[in-house]
Amino acid sequence: MRFNQILVVDSIPTGERNTARELHQDVCLRARLFAPAPEVLYHRLESRGQLLALLSELAAAASAAGDIPVLHIECHGNNDGLEFADKSFATWADIKEPLTALNVATGMNLLVVVAACNGSAITNTLGPTDRAPLHGLIGPIRSVLPSELMSAYLALYETLLRTRSARLAVDDMRATSPDTFVYRPAQWFFQHVWDQYQATQETPEARLERGRKMAANPPDDYVGPPVRPEQFAQLLADKNREFFDKYRRIFFLCDLFPEHETRFPVNYVVAE
């Protein structure tokens, strides 16, 4: 994973301890110890709309100037999304497309850190033909005190600055507060989406139902005699690995970045 910025986004309500400003100041001091040091930036926003606008601006800057931020968002929320200082709420469905555009613009190097939740619910917005919305996602899996967040995220960024490894940084972050934080890499998201697709679309019963629909309304590119639903169902089973490879290439942006064929290895598992 590559990055040349750490951007701390602050949407903590007025009157509460502002861990975003504290974190920005402390990470700035630590960044001076490492050369070349990434920019450590701070951005205050109040609302859902301002976050969506910021993501669009970051994607434009990534495309034009090669900016690759680690995006750290400090706000309230839950596993379904983020709540901002003005109490507006953005679901992961709201955020998915802007994140995807930013991830594409950064060459699939977008690491997102959230203080509100682990964000795993973003998987509920993903389908097998989607592109990856991020390189990885870091966040807590329970409610945490501001002091816990500060010590954990300082450990995260000190190791990230020193090693440039998200996985090593998360290990050191977790050591400060065991069983509190998770790291979801893009491979985890893809595997989750693929498993869901297998469980809902690639069972024998699901294939037969799809086969019935295909027999009643054959694909536009099909030329030949009528085909029984069972034959279409078998065709779907035979093409399972082909579907996997197609979805994998789309998700990991292999059509845009051929080097991702080996950068993001995932294992094909035959549907039961």
C-alpha atoms as a PDB file:
ATOM      1  CA  MET A   1       0.000   0.000   0.000  1.00  0.00           C
ATOM      2  CA  ARG A   2       1.259   3.485  -0.912  1.00  0.00           C
ATOM      3  CA  PHE A   3       0.332   6.830   0.663  1.00  0.00           C
ATOM      4  CA  ASN A   4       1.778  10.334   0.756  1.00  0.00           C
ATOM      5  CA  GLN A   5      -0.768  12.006   3.033  1.00  0.00           C
ATOM      6  CA  ILE A   6      -2.542  11.347   6.305  1.00  0.00           C
ATOM      7  CA  LEU A   7      -5.784  13.317   6.339  1.00  0.00           C
ATOM      8  CA  VAL A   8      -7.606  13.640   9.663  1.00  0.00           C
ATOM      9  CA  VAL A   9     -11.261  14.540   9.065  1.00  0.00           C
ATOM     10  CA  ASP A  10     -12.948  16.070  12.104  1.00  0.00           C
ATOM     11  CA  SER A  11     -16.724  16.003  12.579  1.00  0.00           C
ATOM     12  CA  ILE A  12     -16.855  15.689  16.368  1.00  0.00           C
ATOM     13  CA  PRO A  13     -19.723  17.714  17.866  1.00  0.00           C
ATOM     14  CA  THR A  14     -18.810  20.996  19.517  1.00  0.00           C
ATOM     15  CA  GLY A  15     -18.391  20.640  23.274  1.00  0.00           C
ATOM     16  CA  GLU A  16     -16.939  17.122  23.198  1.00  0.00           C
ATOM     17  CA  ARG A  17     -13.286  16.222  23.585  1.00  0.00           C
ATOM     18  CA  ASN A  18     -11.847  16.708  20.132  1.00  0.00           C
ATOM     19  CA  THR A  19      -9.599  13.686  19.588  1.00  0.00           C
ATOM     20  CA  ALA A  20      -9.300  14.596  15.900  1.00  0.00           C
ATOM     21  CA  ARG A  21      -7.388  17.817  16.609  1.00  0.00           C
ATOM     22  CA  GLU A  22      -5.301  16.067  19.267  1.00  0.00           C
ATOM     23  CA  LEU A  23      -4.483  13.209  16.902  1.00  0.00           C
ATOM     24  CA  HIS A  24      -3.531  15.570  14.097  1.00  0.00           C
ATOM     25  CA  GLN A  25      -1.119  17.463  16.332  1.00  0.00           C
ATOM     26  CA  ASP A  26       0.508  14.319  17.715  1.00  0.00           C
ATOM     27  CA  VAL A  27       0.853  12.608  14.318  1.00  0.00           C
ATOM     28  CA  CYS A  28       2.401  15.800  12.903  1.00  0.00           C
ATOM     29  CA  LEU A  29       5.105  15.599  15.572  1.00  0.00           C
ATOM     30  CA  ARG A  30       5.766  11.918  14.899  1.00  0.00           C
ATOM     31  CA  ALA A  31       5.898  12.400  11.131  1.00  0.00           C
ATOM     32  CA  ARG A  32       8.906  14.705  11.522  1.00  0.00           C
ATOM     33  CA  LEU A  33      10.948  11.712  12.679  1.00  0.00           C
ATOM     34  CA  PHE A  34      10.549   9.896   9.365  1.00  0.00           C
ATOM     35  CA  ALA A  35      11.897  10.951   5.985  1.00  0.00           C
ATOM     36  CA  PRO A  36      10.420  11.368   3.552  1.00  0.00           C
ATOM     37  CA  ALA A  37       7.439  12.176   5.741  1.00  0.00           C
ATOM     38  CA  PRO A  38       3.912  12.269   4.317  1.00  0.00           C
ATOM     39  CA  GLU A  39       1.825  15.398   4.674  1.00  0.00           C
ATOM     40  CA  VAL A  40      -0.326  15.307   7.797  1.00  0.00           C
ATOM     41  CA  LEU A  41      -3.468  17.323   7.095  1.00  0.00           C
ATOM     42  CA  TYR A  42      -6.567  18.345   9.036  1.00  0.00           C
ATOM     43  CA  HIS A  43     -10.054  19.048   7.647  1.00  0.00           C
ATOM     44  CA  ARG A  44     -13.087  20.118   9.631  1.00  0.00           C
ATOM     45  CA  LEU A  45     -16.546  19.323   8.301  1.00  0.00           C
ATOM     46  CA  GLU A  46     -20.030  19.517   9.749  1.00  0.00           C
ATOM     47  CA  SER A  47     -22.303  17.410   7.576  1.00  0.00           C
ATOM     48  CA  ARG A  48     -22.890  14.436   5.321  1.00  0.00           C
ATOM     49  CA  GLY A  49     -22.933  16.711   2.288  1.00  0.00           C
ATOM     50  CA  GLN A  50     -19.541  18.146   3.153  1.00  0.00           C
ATOM     51  CA  LEU A  51     -18.047  14.656   3.435  1.00  0.00           C
ATOM     52  CA  LEU A  52     -19.381  13.664   0.009  1.00  0.00           C
ATOM     53  CA  ALA A  53     -17.973  16.890  -1.464  1.00  0.00           C
ATOM     54  CA  LEU A  54     -14.611  16.230   0.202  1.00  0.00           C
ATOM     55  CA  LEU A  55     -14.401  12.712  -1.234  1.00  0.00           C
ATOM     56  CA  SER A  56     -15.019  14.123  -4.710  1.00  0.00           C
ATOM     57  CA  GLU A  57     -12.292  16.731  -4.194  1.00  0.00           C
ATOM     58  CA  LEU A  58      -9.845  14.093  -2.975  1.00  0.00           C
ATOM     59  CA  ALA A  59     -10.510  11.917  -6.040  1.00  0.00           C
ATOM     60  CA  ALA A  60      -9.830  14.889  -8.328  1.00  0.00           C
ATOM     61  CA  ALA A  61      -6.609  15.686  -6.460  1.00  0.00           C
ATOM     62  CA  ALA A  62      -5.495  12.056  -6.623  1.00  0.00           C
ATOM     63  CA  SER A  63      -6.012  12.001 -10.394  1.00  0.00           C
ATOM     64  CA  ALA A  64      -4.434  15.395 -11.036  1.00  0.00           C
ATOM     65  CA  ALA A  65      -1.594  15.535  -8.517  1.00  0.00           C
ATOM     66  CA  GLY A  66      -1.057  11.945  -7.360  1.00  0.00           C
ATOM     67  CA  ASP A  67      -2.254  12.574  -3.808  1.00  0.00           C
ATOM     68  CA  ILE A  68      -2.819   9.299  -1.924  1.00  0.00           C
ATOM     69  CA  PRO A  69      -4.332   9.959   1.497  1.00  0.00           C
ATOM     70  CA  VAL A  70      -4.834   7.689   4.443  1.00  0.00           C
ATOM     71  CA  LEU A  71      -8.350   8.881   5.239  1.00  0.00           C
ATOM     72  CA  HIS A  72      -9.001   9.078   8.992  1.00  0.00           C
ATOM     73  CA  ILE A  73     -12.579  10.061   9.914  1.00  0.00           C
ATOM     74  CA  GLU A  74     -13.432  11.093  13.491  1.00  0.00           C
ATOM     75  CA  CYS A  75     -17.172  11.274  14.149  1.00  0.00           C
ATOM     76  CA  HIS A  76     -20.001   9.374  15.777  1.00  0.00           C
ATOM     77  CA  GLY A  77     -21.937   6.589  14.106  1.00  0.00           C
ATOM     78  CA  ASN A  78     -22.677   2.909  14.158  1.00  0.00           C
ATOM     79  CA  ASN A  79     -21.999  -0.124  12.002  1.00  0.00           C
ATOM     80  CA  ASP A  80     -24.420   1.146   9.343  1.00  0.00           C
ATOM     81  CA  GLY A  81     -22.699   4.465   8.724  1.00  0.00           C
ATOM     82  CA  LEU A  82     -21.382   7.748  10.069  1.00  0.00           C
ATOM     83  CA  GLU A  83     -23.043  10.575  12.002  1.00  0.00           C
ATOM     84  CA  PHE A  84     -21.630  14.072  11.638  1.00  0.00           C
ATOM     85  CA  ALA A  85     -21.429  17.118  13.880  1.00  0.00           C
ATOM     86  CA  ASP A  86     -24.780  18.478  12.654  1.00  0.00           C
ATOM     87  CA  LYS A  87     -26.439  15.074  13.307  1.00  0.00           C
ATOM     88  CA  SER A  88     -26.765  14.252   9.597  1.00  0.00           C
ATOM     89  CA  PHE A  89     -26.059  10.610   8.736  1.00  0.00           C
ATOM     90  CA  ALA A  90     -24.345   8.926   5.799  1.00  0.00           C
ATOM     91  CA  THR A  91     -24.934   5.220   5.289  1.00  0.00           C
ATOM     92  CA  TRP A  92     -22.256   3.049   3.735  1.00  0.00           C
ATOM     93  CA  ALA A  93     -24.477   2.930   0.644  1.00  0.00           C
ATOM     94  CA  ASP A  94     -24.193   6.738   0.472  1.00  0.00           C
ATOM     95  CA  ILE A  95     -20.425   6.613   0.792  1.00  0.00           C
ATOM     96  CA  LYS A  96     -19.654   3.571  -1.383  1.00  0.00           C
ATOM     97  CA  GLU A  97     -19.535   5.219  -4.808  1.00  0.00           C
ATOM     98  CA  PRO A  98     -17.463   8.263  -3.743  1.00  0.00           C
ATOM     99  CA  LEU A  99     -15.050   5.969  -1.910  1.00  0.00           C
ATOM    100  CA  THR A 100     -14.794   3.743  -4.987  1.00  0.00           C
ATOM    101  CA  ALA A 101     -13.971   6.735  -7.194  1.00  0.00           C
ATOM    102  CA  LEU A 102     -11.249   7.793  -4.752  1.00  0.00           C
ATOM    103  CA  ASN A 103      -9.898   4.256  -4.508  1.00  0.00           C
ATOM    104  CA  VAL A 104      -9.670   4.017  -8.297  1.00  0.00           C
ATOM    105  CA  ALA A 105      -7.960   7.411  -8.480  1.00  0.00           C
ATOM    106  CA  THR A 106      -5.346   6.299  -5.928  1.00  0.00           C
ATOM    107  CA  GLY A 107      -4.597   3.050  -7.761  1.00  0.00           C
ATOM    108  CA  MET A 108      -6.366   1.039  -5.062  1.00  0.00           C
ATOM    109  CA  ASN A 109      -4.306   2.395  -2.209  1.00  0.00           C
ATOM    110  CA  LEU A 110      -7.102   3.945  -0.153  1.00  0.00           C
ATOM    111  CA  LEU A 111      -6.849   3.058   3.537  1.00  0.00           C
ATOM    112  CA  VAL A 112      -9.822   4.331   5.571  1.00  0.00           C
ATOM    113  CA  VAL A 113      -9.705   4.603   9.367  1.00  0.00           C
ATOM    114  CA  VAL A 114     -12.940   5.321  11.240  1.00  0.00           C
ATOM    115  CA  ALA A 115     -13.447   6.001  14.908  1.00  0.00           C
ATOM    116  CA  ALA A 116     -17.172   5.206  14.823  1.00  0.00           C
ATOM    117  CA  CYS A 117     -17.408   1.514  13.905  1.00  0.00           C
ATOM    118  CA  ASN A 118     -15.632  -1.210  11.975  1.00  0.00           C
ATOM    119  CA  GLY A 119     -17.701  -0.498   8.885  1.00  0.00           C
ATOM    120  CA  SER A 120     -18.222  -4.118   7.957  1.00  0.00           C
ATOM    121  CA  ALA A 121     -21.772  -3.240   6.924  1.00  0.00           C
ATOM    122  CA  ILE A 122     -20.307  -1.774   3.741  1.00  0.00           C
ATOM    123  CA  THR A 123     -20.243  -5.374   2.510  1.00  0.00           C
ATOM    124  CA  ASN A 124     -24.057  -5.264   2.412  1.00  0.00           C
ATOM    125  CA  THR A 125     -23.818  -2.607  -0.298  1.00  0.00           C
ATOM    126  CA  LEU A 126     -21.404  -4.577  -2.494  1.00  0.00           C
ATOM    127  CA  GLY A 127     -22.311  -6.876  -5.357  1.00  0.00           C
ATOM    128  CA  PRO A 128     -20.069  -9.284  -7.284  1.00  0.00           C
ATOM    129  CA  THR A 129     -19.652  -6.853 -10.206  1.00  0.00           C
ATOM    130  CA  ASP A 130     -18.639  -3.862  -8.056  1.00  0.00           C
ATOM    131  CA  ARG A 131     -15.175  -2.409  -7.862  1.00  0.00           C
ATOM    132  CA  ALA A 132     -13.423  -2.326  -4.491  1.00  0.00           C
ATOM    133  CA  PRO A 133     -14.318   0.844  -2.564  1.00  0.00           C
ATOM    134  CA  LEU A 134     -11.048   0.800  -0.608  1.00  0.00           C
ATOM    135  CA  HIS A 135      -7.754  -0.960  -0.023  1.00  0.00           C
ATOM    136  CA  GLY A 136      -8.571  -1.563   3.628  1.00  0.00           C
ATOM    137  CA  LEU A 137     -10.749  -0.415   6.509  1.00  0.00           C
ATOM    138  CA  ILE A 138      -9.732  -0.035  10.164  1.00  0.00           C
ATOM    139  CA  GLY A 139     -12.032   0.650  13.097  1.00  0.00           C
ATOM    140  CA  PRO A 140     -13.257  -0.441  16.531  1.00  0.00           C
ATOM    141  CA  ILE A 141     -15.839  -3.164  17.041  1.00  0.00           C
ATOM    142  CA  ARG A 142     -17.191  -1.744  20.310  1.00  0.00           C
ATOM    143  CA  SER A 143     -17.761   1.614  21.940  1.00  0.00           C
ATOM    144  CA  VAL A 144     -14.425   3.053  23.039  1.00  0.00           C
ATOM    145  CA  LEU A 145     -13.367   5.921  25.259  1.00  0.00           C
ATOM    146  CA  PRO A 146     -11.544   8.896  23.722  1.00  0.00           C
ATOM    147  CA  SER A 147      -8.412   7.933  25.677  1.00  0.00           C
ATOM    148  CA  GLU A 148      -8.533   4.430  24.147  1.00  0.00           C
ATOM    149  CA  LEU A 149      -8.887   5.856  20.655  1.00  0.00           C
ATOM    150  CA  MET A 150      -5.952   8.197  21.144  1.00  0.00           C
ATOM    151  CA  SER A 151      -3.517   5.569  22.411  1.00  0.00           C
ATOM    152  CA  ALA A 152      -4.589   3.052  19.772  1.00  0.00           C
ATOM    153  CA  TYR A 153      -4.436   5.408  16.802  1.00  0.00           C
ATOM    154  CA  LEU A 154      -1.128   6.935  17.878  1.00  0.00           C
ATOM    155  CA  ALA A 155       0.309   3.412  17.906  1.00  0.00           C
ATOM    156  CA  LEU A 156      -1.260   2.795  14.489  1.00  0.00           C
ATOM    157  CA  TYR A 157       0.238   5.869  12.859  1.00  0.00           C
ATOM    158  CA  GLU A 158       3.651   5.615  14.464  1.00  0.00           C
ATOM    159  CA  THR A 159       4.045   2.090  13.052  1.00  0.00           C
ATOM    160  CA  LEU A 160       2.476   3.058   9.722  1.00  0.00           C
ATOM    161  CA  LEU A 161       4.931   5.933   9.343  1.00  0.00           C
ATOM    162  CA  ARG A 162       7.846   3.699  10.274  1.00  0.00           C
ATOM    163  CA  THR A 163       6.976   0.582   8.244  1.00  0.00           C
ATOM    164  CA  ARG A 164       4.381   1.693   5.631  1.00  0.00           C
ATOM    165  CA  SER A 165       2.585  -1.577   6.425  1.00  0.00           C
ATOM    166  CA  ALA A 166      -1.102  -1.406   7.345  1.00  0.00           C
ATOM    167  CA  ARG A 167      -1.029  -4.928   8.759  1.00  0.00           C
ATOM    168  CA  LEU A 168       1.930  -4.260  11.086  1.00  0.00           C
ATOM    169  CA  ALA A 169       0.372  -0.955  12.134  1.00  0.00           C
ATOM    170  CA  VAL A 170      -2.891  -2.679  13.021  1.00  0.00           C
ATOM    171  CA  ASP A 171      -1.019  -5.298  15.047  1.00  0.00           C
ATOM    172  CA  ASP A 172       0.558  -2.556  17.170  1.00  0.00           C
ATOM    173  CA  MET A 173      -2.777  -0.744  17.458  1.00  0.00           C
ATOM    174  CA  ARG A 174      -4.487  -3.918  18.653  1.00  0.00           C
ATOM    175  CA  ALA A 175      -1.794  -4.458  21.269  1.00  0.00           C
ATOM    176  CA  THR A 176      -2.912  -1.273  23.029  1.00  0.00           C
ATOM    177  CA  SER A 177      -6.484  -2.564  23.406  1.00  0.00           C
ATOM    178  CA  PRO A 178      -6.997  -6.269  22.558  1.00  0.00           C
ATOM    179  CA  ASP A 179     -10.290  -7.421  21.004  1.00  0.00           C
ATOM    180  CA  THR A 180     -11.275  -3.867  20.123  1.00  0.00           C
ATOM    181  CA  PHE A 181     -10.085  -3.069  16.589  1.00  0.00           C
ATOM    182  CA  VAL A 182     -10.298  -4.846  13.250  1.00  0.00           C
ATOM    183  CA  TYR A 183      -8.603  -4.491   9.889  1.00  0.00           C
ATOM    184  CA  ARG A 184     -10.627  -5.460   6.834  1.00  0.00           C
ATOM    185  CA  PRO A 185      -8.436  -5.660   3.711  1.00  0.00           C
ATOM    186  CA  ALA A 186      -9.930  -5.633   0.225  1.00  0.00           C
ATOM    187  CA  GLN A 187      -9.419  -9.403  -0.040  1.00  0.00           C
ATOM    188  CA  TRP A 188     -11.703  -9.877   2.984  1.00  0.00           C
ATOM    189  CA  PHE A 189     -14.440  -7.806   1.342  1.00  0.00           C
ATOM    190  CA  PHE A 190     -14.170  -9.697  -1.930  1.00  0.00           C
ATOM    191  CA  GLN A 191     -14.286 -13.079  -0.207  1.00  0.00           C
ATOM    192  CA  HIS A 192     -17.340 -12.029   1.782  1.00  0.00           C
ATOM    193  CA  VAL A 193     -19.164 -10.870  -1.372  1.00  0.00           C
ATOM    194  CA  TRP A 194     -18.173 -14.009  -3.291  1.00  0.00           C
ATOM    195  CA  ASP A 195     -19.324 -16.276  -0.462  1.00  0.00           C
ATOM    196  CA  GLN A 196     -22.673 -14.474  -0.382  1.00  0.00           C
ATOM    197  CA  TYR A 197     -23.003 -14.855  -4.138  1.00  0.00           C
ATOM    198  CA  GLN A 198     -22.240 -18.564  -3.874  1.00  0.00           C
ATOM    199  CA  ALA A 199     -24.744 -19.040  -1.065  1.00  0.00           C
ATOM    200  CA  THR A 200     -27.572 -17.227  -2.850  1.00  0.00           C
ATOM    201  CA  GLN A 201     -26.954 -17.720  -6.584  1.00  0.00           C
ATOM    202  CA  GLU A 202     -24.797 -20.818  -7.011  1.00  0.00           C
ATOM    203  CA  THR A 203     -26.626 -23.502  -5.039  1.00  0.00           C
ATOM    204  CA  PRO A 204     -28.204 -26.283  -7.154  1.00  0.00           C
ATOM    205  CA  GLU A 205     -31.659 -24.885  -6.416  1.00  0.00           C
ATOM    206  CA  ALA A 206     -30.677 -21.326  -7.312  1.00  0.00           C
ATOM    207  CA  ARG A 207     -29.002 -22.446 -10.528  1.00  0.00           C
ATOM    208  CA  LEU A 208     -32.079 -24.429 -11.550  1.00  0.00           C
ATOM    209  CA  GLU A 209     -34.302 -21.410 -10.918  1.00  0.00           C
ATOM    210  CA  ARG A 210     -31.978 -19.248 -12.988  1.00  0.00           C
ATOM    211  CA  GLY A 211     -31.980 -22.001 -15.606  1.00  0.00           C
ATOM    212  CA  ARG A 212     -35.787 -21.865 -15.802  1.00  0.00           C
ATOM    213  CA  LYS A 213     -35.647 -18.122 -16.414  1.00  0.00           C
ATOM    214  CA  MET A 214     -32.936 -18.526 -19.047  1.00  0.00           C
ATOM    215  CA  ALA A 215     -34.897 -21.270 -20.815  1.00  0.00           C
ATOM    216  CA  ALA A 216     -37.984 -19.062 -20.908  1.00  0.00           C
ATOM    217  CA  ASN A 217     -35.991 -16.040 -22.064  1.00  0.00           C
ATOM    218  CA  PRO A 218     -32.671 -17.189 -23.595  1.00  0.00           C
ATOM    219  CA  PRO A 219     -29.705 -14.792 -23.551  1.00  0.00           C
ATOM    220  CA  ASP A 220     -29.445 -12.516 -26.598  1.00  0.00           C
ATOM    221  CA  ASP A 221     -26.201 -14.166 -27.698  1.00  0.00           C
ATOM    222  CA  TYR A 222     -27.625 -17.713 -27.579  1.00  0.00           C
ATOM    223  CA  VAL A 223     -28.111 -19.370 -30.957  1.00  0.00           C
ATOM    224  CA  GLY A 224     -29.390 -22.939 -31.213  1.00  0.00           C
ATOM    225  CA  PRO A 225     -32.254 -25.256 -30.377  1.00  0.00           C
ATOM    226  CA  PRO A 226     -34.299 -24.838 -27.188  1.00  0.00           C
ATOM    227  CA  VAL A 227     -32.398 -25.763 -24.029  1.00  0.00           C
ATOM    228  CA  ARG A 228     -33.904 -27.322 -20.921  1.00  0.00           C
ATOM    229  CA  PRO A 229     -33.559 -25.480 -17.581  1.00  0.00           C
ATOM    230  CA  GLU A 230     -31.315 -28.276 -16.305  1.00  0.00           C
ATOM    231  CA  GLN A 231     -28.892 -27.681 -19.160  1.00  0.00           C
ATOM    232  CA  PHE A 232     -28.678 -23.965 -18.426  1.00  0.00           C
ATOM    233  CA  ALA A 233     -28.177 -24.787 -14.734  1.00  0.00           C
ATOM    234  CA  GLN A 234     -25.264 -27.068 -15.627  1.00  0.00           C
ATOM    235  CA  LEU A 235     -23.816 -24.352 -17.863  1.00  0.00           C
ATOM    236  CA  LEU A 236     -23.880 -21.969 -14.921  1.00  0.00           C
ATOM    237  CA  ALA A 237     -22.089 -24.537 -12.755  1.00  0.00           C
ATOM    238  CA  ASP A 238     -19.460 -25.094 -15.458  1.00  0.00           C
ATOM    239  CA  LYS A 239     -18.824 -21.351 -15.664  1.00  0.00           C
ATOM    240  CA  ASN A 240     -18.440 -20.809 -11.912  1.00  0.00           C
ATOM    241  CA  ARG A 241     -14.660 -20.414 -12.099  1.00  0.00           C
ATOM    242  CA  GLU A 242     -15.050 -18.103 -15.079  1.00  0.00           C
ATOM    243  CA  PHE A 243     -17.438 -15.935 -13.062  1.00  0.00           C
ATOM    244  CA  PHE A 244     -14.965 -15.877 -10.150  1.00  0.00           C
ATOM    245  CA  ASP A 245     -12.110 -14.706 -12.360  1.00  0.00           C
ATOM    246  CA  LYS A 246     -14.280 -12.065 -14.015  1.00  0.00           C
ATOM    247  CA  TYR A 247     -15.544 -10.641 -10.729  1.00  0.00           C
ATOM    248  CA  ARG A 248     -12.064 -10.773  -9.167  1.00  0.00           C
ATOM    249  CA  ARG A 249     -10.561  -8.780 -12.032  1.00  0.00           C
ATOM    250  CA  ILE A 250     -13.280  -6.134 -11.794  1.00  0.00           C
ATOM    251  CA  PHE A 251     -13.137  -5.863  -7.998  1.00  0.00           C
ATOM    252  CA  PHE A 252      -9.362  -5.509  -7.792  1.00  0.00           C
ATOM    253  CA  LEU A 253      -9.200  -3.146 -10.806  1.00  0.00           C
ATOM    254  CA  CYS A 254      -7.052  -5.560 -12.794  1.00  0.00           C
ATOM    255  CA  ASP A 255      -8.436  -4.155 -16.055  1.00  0.00           C
ATOM    256  CA  LEU A 256      -7.060  -0.736 -15.058  1.00  0.00           C
ATOM    257  CA  PHE A 257      -3.896  -1.909 -13.294  1.00  0.00           C
ATOM    258  CA  PRO A 258      -2.624  -5.253 -14.701  1.00  0.00           C
ATOM    259  CA  GLU A 259      -0.119  -5.580 -11.845  1.00  0.00           C
ATOM    260  CA  HIS A 260      -3.045  -6.171  -9.500  1.00  0.00           C
ATOM    261  CA  GLU A 261      -3.342  -9.708 -10.896  1.00  0.00           C
ATOM    262  CA  THR A 262      -0.521 -10.667  -8.518  1.00  0.00           C
ATOM    263  CA  ARG A 263      -0.881  -7.844  -5.983  1.00  0.00           C
ATOM    264  CA  PHE A 264      -4.186  -9.167  -4.614  1.00  0.00           C
ATOM    265  CA  PRO A 265      -4.157 -12.980  -4.521  1.00  0.00           C
ATOM    266  CA  VAL A 266      -7.422 -14.664  -3.575  1.00  0.00           C
ATOM    267  CA  ASN A 267      -8.258 -18.355  -3.648  1.00  0.00           C
ATOM    268  CA  TYR A 268     -11.051 -19.858  -5.708  1.00  0.00           C
ATOM    269  CA  VAL A 269     -13.231 -22.239  -3.685  1.00  0.00           C
ATOM    270  CA  VAL A 270     -15.688 -24.532  -5.482  1.00  0.00           C
ATOM    271  CA  ALA A 271     -19.274 -24.007  -4.413  1.00  0.00           C
ATOM    272  CA  GLU A 272     -20.737 -26.866  -2.385  1.00  0.00           C
END
